[in-house]
Amino acid sequence: MEYMSSKINELATALCKVQSSTLLAKKDGKNPHFKSKYATLPELWECCRQALTENGLCVSQVIAKDGDKSVLISLLLHTSGQWIKSTMELLPIKPGPQEMGSLITYMRRYAFAGLLGIAPGDSTDDDGEKAEKSFREAAKKQPPKEDAYYKLSKMVKDFALDQSRLEEFIELECERFNCDVPTLVNGALQTPDIFLKNYSDWLKVENEKE
């Protein structure tokens, strides 16, 4: 799967100009469950819309099917025809249009900020809360081998890393990124190299403390 056009020199130049301005979105949304604030999707757009337009850039996000999977495709496009693409699988905890809609909104914000390098402050939101229940509650309703946490745990084991502190590390990461467990686990499965490195580095630090 291709994630960018054969050349991105003009796009990269334009994006550098956009990022030379301060892309800091205001945290205009409130999550009463976590007692935190977050930047909504309209606010993310507002903080960079003018800079994107002035430099010939735009963002398009669509839902598509990849085999039997539903995916969110986010495209950063330049007037030269050059592009960069991000693809994220949509994995709602339970079926239903409301759950999928909430998840799509949540992932759109996540992908949009990632493509442009926007710092939106807290990464959680009420959409994420509605889209995904407590991970432990959901885990009880599905066979262990189909569970995302099981897959992540197996991946850690395959790379000869200590599994005994995996849950502790995940909880710390959730607190650091202000997100829920399912979101973090699904993100880890989509970017395994980054997660495994971070977990390995954390284990080394913790072992040195002991």
C-alpha atoms as a PDB file:
ATOM      1  CA  MET A   1       0.000   0.000   0.000  1.00  0.00           C
ATOM      2  CA  GLU A   2       1.354   3.390  -1.002  1.00  0.00           C
ATOM      3  CA  TYR A   3       1.341   6.130   1.626  1.00  0.00           C
ATOM      4  CA  MET A   4       2.680   9.001  -0.475  1.00  0.00           C
ATOM      5  CA  SER A   5       3.161  10.119  -4.036  1.00  0.00           C
ATOM      6  CA  SER A   6       6.434   9.322  -5.809  1.00  0.00           C
ATOM      7  CA  LYS A   7       7.637  12.858  -5.036  1.00  0.00           C
ATOM      8  CA  ILE A   8       6.666  15.084  -2.122  1.00  0.00           C
ATOM      9  CA  ASN A   9       9.232  17.894  -2.418  1.00  0.00           C
ATOM     10  CA  GLU A  10       6.659  20.615  -3.120  1.00  0.00           C
ATOM     11  CA  LEU A  11       4.271  19.276  -0.499  1.00  0.00           C
ATOM     12  CA  ALA A  12       7.059  19.103   2.071  1.00  0.00           C
ATOM     13  CA  THR A  13       8.082  22.690   1.343  1.00  0.00           C
ATOM     14  CA  ALA A  14       4.498  23.870   1.750  1.00  0.00           C
ATOM     15  CA  LEU A  15       4.006  21.875   4.954  1.00  0.00           C
ATOM     16  CA  CYS A  16       7.193  23.335   6.429  1.00  0.00           C
ATOM     17  CA  LYS A  17       5.772  26.810   5.854  1.00  0.00           C
ATOM     18  CA  VAL A  18       2.502  25.805   7.515  1.00  0.00           C
ATOM     19  CA  GLN A  19       4.331  24.351  10.502  1.00  0.00           C
ATOM     20  CA  SER A  20       6.483  27.456  10.854  1.00  0.00           C
ATOM     21  CA  SER A  21       3.378  29.075  12.311  1.00  0.00           C
ATOM     22  CA  THR A  22       2.110  28.042  15.736  1.00  0.00           C
ATOM     23  CA  LEU A  23      -0.341  25.195  15.177  1.00  0.00           C
ATOM     24  CA  LEU A  24      -1.731  25.064  18.696  1.00  0.00           C
ATOM     25  CA  ALA A  25      -5.438  24.344  18.876  1.00  0.00           C
ATOM     26  CA  LYS A  26      -7.527  25.666  21.741  1.00  0.00           C
ATOM     27  CA  LYS A  27      -9.033  23.025  23.986  1.00  0.00           C
ATOM     28  CA  ASP A  28     -12.631  24.111  23.417  1.00  0.00           C
ATOM     29  CA  GLY A  29     -14.359  20.840  24.292  1.00  0.00           C
ATOM     30  CA  LYS A  30     -15.000  19.352  27.722  1.00  0.00           C
ATOM     31  CA  ASN A  31     -15.057  15.712  28.804  1.00  0.00           C
ATOM     32  CA  PRO A  32     -16.982  15.481  32.097  1.00  0.00           C
ATOM     33  CA  HIS A  33     -16.016  11.828  32.557  1.00  0.00           C
ATOM     34  CA  PHE A  34     -12.280  12.548  32.601  1.00  0.00           C
ATOM     35  CA  LYS A  35     -12.745  16.126  33.872  1.00  0.00           C
ATOM     36  CA  SER A  36     -10.498  17.312  31.050  1.00  0.00           C
ATOM     37  CA  LYS A  37     -10.581  19.540  27.992  1.00  0.00           C
ATOM     38  CA  TYR A  38      -9.760  18.697  24.387  1.00  0.00           C
ATOM     39  CA  ALA A  39      -9.590  20.343  20.955  1.00  0.00           C
ATOM     40  CA  THR A  40     -12.610  19.595  18.770  1.00  0.00           C
ATOM     41  CA  LEU A  41     -12.316  18.854  15.044  1.00  0.00           C
ATOM     42  CA  PRO A  42     -13.704  22.308  14.038  1.00  0.00           C
ATOM     43  CA  GLU A  43     -11.091  23.940  16.292  1.00  0.00           C
ATOM     44  CA  LEU A  44      -8.292  21.885  14.716  1.00  0.00           C
ATOM     45  CA  TRP A  45      -9.445  23.098  11.305  1.00  0.00           C
ATOM     46  CA  GLU A  46      -9.747  26.685  12.496  1.00  0.00           C
ATOM     47  CA  CYS A  47      -6.183  26.841  13.800  1.00  0.00           C
ATOM     48  CA  CYS A  48      -4.645  25.862  10.448  1.00  0.00           C
ATOM     49  CA  ARG A  49      -7.204  26.541   7.698  1.00  0.00           C
ATOM     50  CA  GLN A  50      -5.671  29.844   6.558  1.00  0.00           C
ATOM     51  CA  ALA A  51      -2.098  28.519   6.621  1.00  0.00           C
ATOM     52  CA  LEU A  52      -3.115  25.467   4.586  1.00  0.00           C
ATOM     53  CA  THR A  53      -4.975  27.529   1.991  1.00  0.00           C
ATOM     54  CA  GLU A  54      -2.148  30.043   1.614  1.00  0.00           C
ATOM     55  CA  ASN A  55       0.315  27.222   0.902  1.00  0.00           C
ATOM     56  CA  GLY A  56      -1.819  25.203  -1.495  1.00  0.00           C
ATOM     57  CA  LEU A  57      -2.642  22.396   0.923  1.00  0.00           C
ATOM     58  CA  CYS A  58      -5.880  20.716   1.921  1.00  0.00           C
ATOM     59  CA  VAL A  59      -7.004  17.667   3.865  1.00  0.00           C
ATOM     60  CA  SER A  60      -9.622  15.122   2.795  1.00  0.00           C
ATOM     61  CA  GLN A  61     -10.914  12.278   4.970  1.00  0.00           C
ATOM     62  CA  VAL A  62     -13.067   9.410   3.699  1.00  0.00           C
ATOM     63  CA  ILE A  63     -14.350   6.067   4.989  1.00  0.00           C
ATOM     64  CA  ALA A  64     -13.534   3.049   2.816  1.00  0.00           C
ATOM     65  CA  LYS A  65     -13.511  -0.744   2.875  1.00  0.00           C
ATOM     66  CA  ASP A  66     -10.262  -2.715   2.883  1.00  0.00           C
ATOM     67  CA  GLY A  67     -11.406  -6.288   2.446  1.00  0.00           C
ATOM     68  CA  ASP A  68     -13.722  -6.901   5.403  1.00  0.00           C
ATOM     69  CA  LYS A  69     -12.307  -3.948   7.370  1.00  0.00           C
ATOM     70  CA  SER A  70     -13.618  -0.395   7.610  1.00  0.00           C
ATOM     71  CA  VAL A  71     -10.842   2.195   7.442  1.00  0.00           C
ATOM     72  CA  LEU A  72     -10.474   5.947   7.720  1.00  0.00           C
ATOM     73  CA  ILE A  73      -8.310   7.340   4.925  1.00  0.00           C
ATOM     74  CA  SER A  74      -6.862  10.815   5.528  1.00  0.00           C
ATOM     75  CA  LEU A  75      -5.166  12.597   2.638  1.00  0.00           C
ATOM     76  CA  LEU A  76      -2.911  15.655   2.787  1.00  0.00           C
ATOM     77  CA  LEU A  77      -3.064  17.085  -0.745  1.00  0.00           C
ATOM     78  CA  HIS A  78      -0.990  19.749  -2.502  1.00  0.00           C
ATOM     79  CA  THR A  79      -1.928  21.734  -5.594  1.00  0.00           C
ATOM     80  CA  SER A  80       1.046  20.132  -7.384  1.00  0.00           C
ATOM     81  CA  GLY A  81      -0.733  16.782  -7.198  1.00  0.00           C
ATOM     82  CA  GLN A  82       1.594  15.433  -4.511  1.00  0.00           C
ATOM     83  CA  TRP A  83       0.037  13.730  -1.491  1.00  0.00           C
ATOM     84  CA  ILE A  84       0.554  11.864   1.777  1.00  0.00           C
ATOM     85  CA  LYS A  85      -1.952   9.326   3.064  1.00  0.00           C
ATOM     86  CA  SER A  86      -2.777   7.939   6.489  1.00  0.00           C
ATOM     87  CA  THR A  87      -4.953   4.839   6.894  1.00  0.00           C
ATOM     88  CA  MET A  88      -6.433   3.833  10.248  1.00  0.00           C
ATOM     89  CA  GLU A  89      -8.625   0.796  10.858  1.00  0.00           C
ATOM     90  CA  LEU A  90     -11.921   1.498  12.599  1.00  0.00           C
ATOM     91  CA  LEU A  91     -12.505  -0.951  15.437  1.00  0.00           C
ATOM     92  CA  PRO A  92     -15.646  -0.127  17.448  1.00  0.00           C
ATOM     93  CA  ILE A  93     -16.148  -2.166  20.593  1.00  0.00           C
ATOM     94  CA  LYS A  94     -19.737  -2.975  19.611  1.00  0.00           C
ATOM     95  CA  PRO A  95     -21.752  -2.655  16.371  1.00  0.00           C
ATOM     96  CA  GLY A  96     -24.157   0.177  15.698  1.00  0.00           C
ATOM     97  CA  PRO A  97     -24.241   3.479  13.778  1.00  0.00           C
ATOM     98  CA  GLN A  98     -23.881   5.682  16.869  1.00  0.00           C
ATOM     99  CA  GLU A  99     -20.803   3.846  18.087  1.00  0.00           C
ATOM    100  CA  MET A 100     -19.227   3.896  14.624  1.00  0.00           C
ATOM    101  CA  GLY A 101     -20.081   7.578  14.163  1.00  0.00           C
ATOM    102  CA  SER A 102     -18.468   8.512  17.470  1.00  0.00           C
ATOM    103  CA  LEU A 103     -15.379   6.472  16.637  1.00  0.00           C
ATOM    104  CA  ILE A 104     -15.077   8.061  13.177  1.00  0.00           C
ATOM    105  CA  THR A 105     -15.203  11.571  14.663  1.00  0.00           C
ATOM    106  CA  TYR A 106     -12.585  10.634  17.241  1.00  0.00           C
ATOM    107  CA  MET A 107     -10.231   9.058  14.695  1.00  0.00           C
ATOM    108  CA  ARG A 108     -10.665  11.953  12.262  1.00  0.00           C
ATOM    109  CA  ARG A 109      -9.337  14.348  14.899  1.00  0.00           C
ATOM    110  CA  TYR A 110      -6.483  12.009  15.736  1.00  0.00           C
ATOM    111  CA  ALA A 111      -5.451  11.521  12.084  1.00  0.00           C
ATOM    112  CA  PHE A 112      -5.913  15.205  11.156  1.00  0.00           C
ATOM    113  CA  ALA A 113      -3.654  16.392  13.969  1.00  0.00           C
ATOM    114  CA  GLY A 114      -1.071  13.740  13.124  1.00  0.00           C
ATOM    115  CA  LEU A 115      -0.879  14.643   9.425  1.00  0.00           C
ATOM    116  CA  LEU A 116      -0.275  18.321  10.135  1.00  0.00           C
ATOM    117  CA  GLY A 117       1.663  18.155  13.386  1.00  0.00           C
ATOM    118  CA  ILE A 118      -0.934  20.071  15.401  1.00  0.00           C
ATOM    119  CA  ALA A 119      -0.621  20.111  19.176  1.00  0.00           C
ATOM    120  CA  PRO A 120      -4.224  19.861  20.415  1.00  0.00           C
ATOM    121  CA  GLY A 121      -3.435  19.445  24.083  1.00  0.00           C
ATOM    122  CA  ASP A 122      -5.350  16.564  25.706  1.00  0.00           C
ATOM    123  CA  SER A 123      -5.959  13.748  23.244  1.00  0.00           C
ATOM    124  CA  THR A 124      -9.130  12.325  24.726  1.00  0.00           C
ATOM    125  CA  ASP A 125     -12.671  13.456  23.991  1.00  0.00           C
ATOM    126  CA  ASP A 126     -16.274  12.579  24.554  1.00  0.00           C
ATOM    127  CA  ASP A 127     -16.417  10.940  21.122  1.00  0.00           C
ATOM    128  CA  GLY A 128     -13.738   8.496  22.195  1.00  0.00           C
ATOM    129  CA  GLU A 129     -15.580   7.877  25.436  1.00  0.00           C
ATOM    130  CA  LYS A 130     -18.814   7.092  23.600  1.00  0.00           C
ATOM    131  CA  ALA A 131     -17.074   5.054  20.917  1.00  0.00           C
ATOM    132  CA  GLU A 132     -15.257   2.674  23.218  1.00  0.00           C
ATOM    133  CA  LYS A 133     -16.351   1.144  26.519  1.00  0.00           C
ATOM    134  CA  SER A 134     -14.107   0.017  29.288  1.00  0.00           C
ATOM    135  CA  PHE A 135     -11.581  -2.396  27.806  1.00  0.00           C
ATOM    136  CA  ARG A 136     -11.944  -4.915  30.599  1.00  0.00           C
ATOM    137  CA  GLU A 137     -15.733  -5.037  30.255  1.00  0.00           C
ATOM    138  CA  ALA A 138     -15.477  -5.598  26.517  1.00  0.00           C
ATOM    139  CA  ALA A 139     -12.807  -8.274  26.956  1.00  0.00           C
ATOM    140  CA  LYS A 140     -15.232 -10.436  28.947  1.00  0.00           C
ATOM    141  CA  LYS A 141     -17.647 -10.538  26.011  1.00  0.00           C
ATOM    142  CA  GLN A 142     -15.289 -11.948  23.388  1.00  0.00           C
ATOM    143  CA  PRO A 143     -12.963 -14.958  23.087  1.00  0.00           C
ATOM    144  CA  PRO A 144      -9.478 -14.167  24.471  1.00  0.00           C
ATOM    145  CA  LYS A 145      -7.697 -14.917  21.192  1.00  0.00           C
ATOM    146  CA  GLU A 146      -9.842 -12.361  19.344  1.00  0.00           C
ATOM    147  CA  ASP A 147      -9.127  -9.694  21.918  1.00  0.00           C
ATOM    148  CA  ALA A 148      -6.893  -6.738  21.019  1.00  0.00           C
ATOM    149  CA  TYR A 149      -5.099  -6.920  24.366  1.00  0.00           C
ATOM    150  CA  TYR A 150      -4.353 -10.600  23.747  1.00  0.00           C
ATOM    151  CA  LYS A 151      -2.792  -9.728  20.389  1.00  0.00           C
ATOM    152  CA  LEU A 152      -0.699  -6.997  21.967  1.00  0.00           C
ATOM    153  CA  SER A 153       0.416  -9.272  24.799  1.00  0.00           C
ATOM    154  CA  LYS A 154       1.399 -11.974  22.307  1.00  0.00           C
ATOM    155  CA  MET A 155       3.340  -9.434  20.261  1.00  0.00           C
ATOM    156  CA  VAL A 156       5.262  -8.379  23.383  1.00  0.00           C
ATOM    157  CA  LYS A 157       6.021 -12.023  24.161  1.00  0.00           C
ATOM    158  CA  ASP A 158       7.193 -12.690  20.588  1.00  0.00           C
ATOM    159  CA  PHE A 159       9.744  -9.912  20.995  1.00  0.00           C
ATOM    160  CA  ALA A 160      11.008 -11.488  24.233  1.00  0.00           C
ATOM    161  CA  LEU A 161       9.820  -8.620  26.421  1.00  0.00           C
ATOM    162  CA  ASP A 162       8.506  -9.088  29.958  1.00  0.00           C
ATOM    163  CA  GLN A 163       4.701  -9.332  29.852  1.00  0.00           C
ATOM    164  CA  SER A 164       4.160  -9.054  33.602  1.00  0.00           C
ATOM    165  CA  ARG A 165       4.254  -5.239  33.612  1.00  0.00           C
ATOM    166  CA  LEU A 166       2.423  -4.649  30.338  1.00  0.00           C
ATOM    167  CA  GLU A 167      -0.859  -3.682  32.000  1.00  0.00           C
ATOM    168  CA  GLU A 168       0.947  -1.237  34.291  1.00  0.00           C
ATOM    169  CA  PHE A 169       2.689   0.390  31.321  1.00  0.00           C
ATOM    170  CA  ILE A 170      -0.568   0.673  29.366  1.00  0.00           C
ATOM    171  CA  GLU A 171      -2.310   2.375  32.276  1.00  0.00           C
ATOM    172  CA  LEU A 172       0.571   4.842  32.592  1.00  0.00           C
ATOM    173  CA  GLU A 173       0.438   5.586  28.868  1.00  0.00           C
ATOM    174  CA  CYS A 174      -3.328   6.124  29.049  1.00  0.00           C
ATOM    175  CA  GLU A 175      -2.779   8.633  31.810  1.00  0.00           C
ATOM    176  CA  ARG A 176       0.027  10.341  29.884  1.00  0.00           C
ATOM    177  CA  PHE A 177      -2.000  10.659  26.655  1.00  0.00           C
ATOM    178  CA  ASN A 178      -5.327  11.051  28.480  1.00  0.00           C
ATOM    179  CA  CYS A 179      -7.032   8.297  26.492  1.00  0.00           C
ATOM    180  CA  ASP A 180      -8.798   5.029  27.281  1.00  0.00           C
ATOM    181  CA  VAL A 181      -7.276   1.548  27.159  1.00  0.00           C
ATOM    182  CA  PRO A 182      -8.929   0.300  23.921  1.00  0.00           C
ATOM    183  CA  THR A 183      -7.766   3.371  22.013  1.00  0.00           C
ATOM    184  CA  LEU A 184      -4.197   2.959  23.241  1.00  0.00           C
ATOM    185  CA  VAL A 185      -4.120  -0.795  22.545  1.00  0.00           C
ATOM    186  CA  ASN A 186      -5.519  -0.374  19.026  1.00  0.00           C
ATOM    187  CA  GLY A 187      -3.005   2.388  18.368  1.00  0.00           C
ATOM    188  CA  ALA A 188      -0.181   0.151  19.622  1.00  0.00           C
ATOM    189  CA  LEU A 189      -1.231  -2.624  17.240  1.00  0.00           C
ATOM    190  CA  GLN A 190      -1.151  -0.176  14.332  1.00  0.00           C
ATOM    191  CA  THR A 191       2.296   1.202  15.261  1.00  0.00           C
ATOM    192  CA  PRO A 192       3.995  -1.819  16.891  1.00  0.00           C
ATOM    193  CA  ASP A 193       7.580  -0.652  16.386  1.00  0.00           C
ATOM    194  CA  ILE A 194       6.999   2.570  18.326  1.00  0.00           C
ATOM    195  CA  PHE A 195       5.066   0.849  21.110  1.00  0.00           C
ATOM    196  CA  LEU A 196       7.592  -1.959  21.559  1.00  0.00           C
ATOM    197  CA  LYS A 197      10.488   0.484  21.703  1.00  0.00           C
ATOM    198  CA  ASN A 198       8.713   2.674  24.266  1.00  0.00           C
ATOM    199  CA  TYR A 199       7.791  -0.348  26.376  1.00  0.00           C
ATOM    200  CA  SER A 200      11.327  -1.733  26.181  1.00  0.00           C
ATOM    201  CA  ASP A 201      12.834   1.618  27.194  1.00  0.00           C
ATOM    202  CA  TRP A 202      10.387   1.908  30.087  1.00  0.00           C
ATOM    203  CA  LEU A 203      11.231  -1.588  31.318  1.00  0.00           C
ATOM    204  CA  LYS A 204      14.935  -0.747  31.316  1.00  0.00           C
ATOM    205  CA  VAL A 205      14.349   2.370  33.388  1.00  0.00           C
ATOM    206  CA  GLU A 206      12.120   0.495  35.844  1.00  0.00           C
ATOM    207  CA  ASN A 207      14.622  -2.362  36.174  1.00  0.00           C
ATOM    208  CA  GLU A 208      17.414   0.107  36.893  1.00  0.00           C
ATOM    209  CA  LYS A 209      15.319   1.617  39.699  1.00  0.00           C
ATOM    210  CA  GLU A 210      15.052  -1.788  41.316  1.00  0.00           C
END
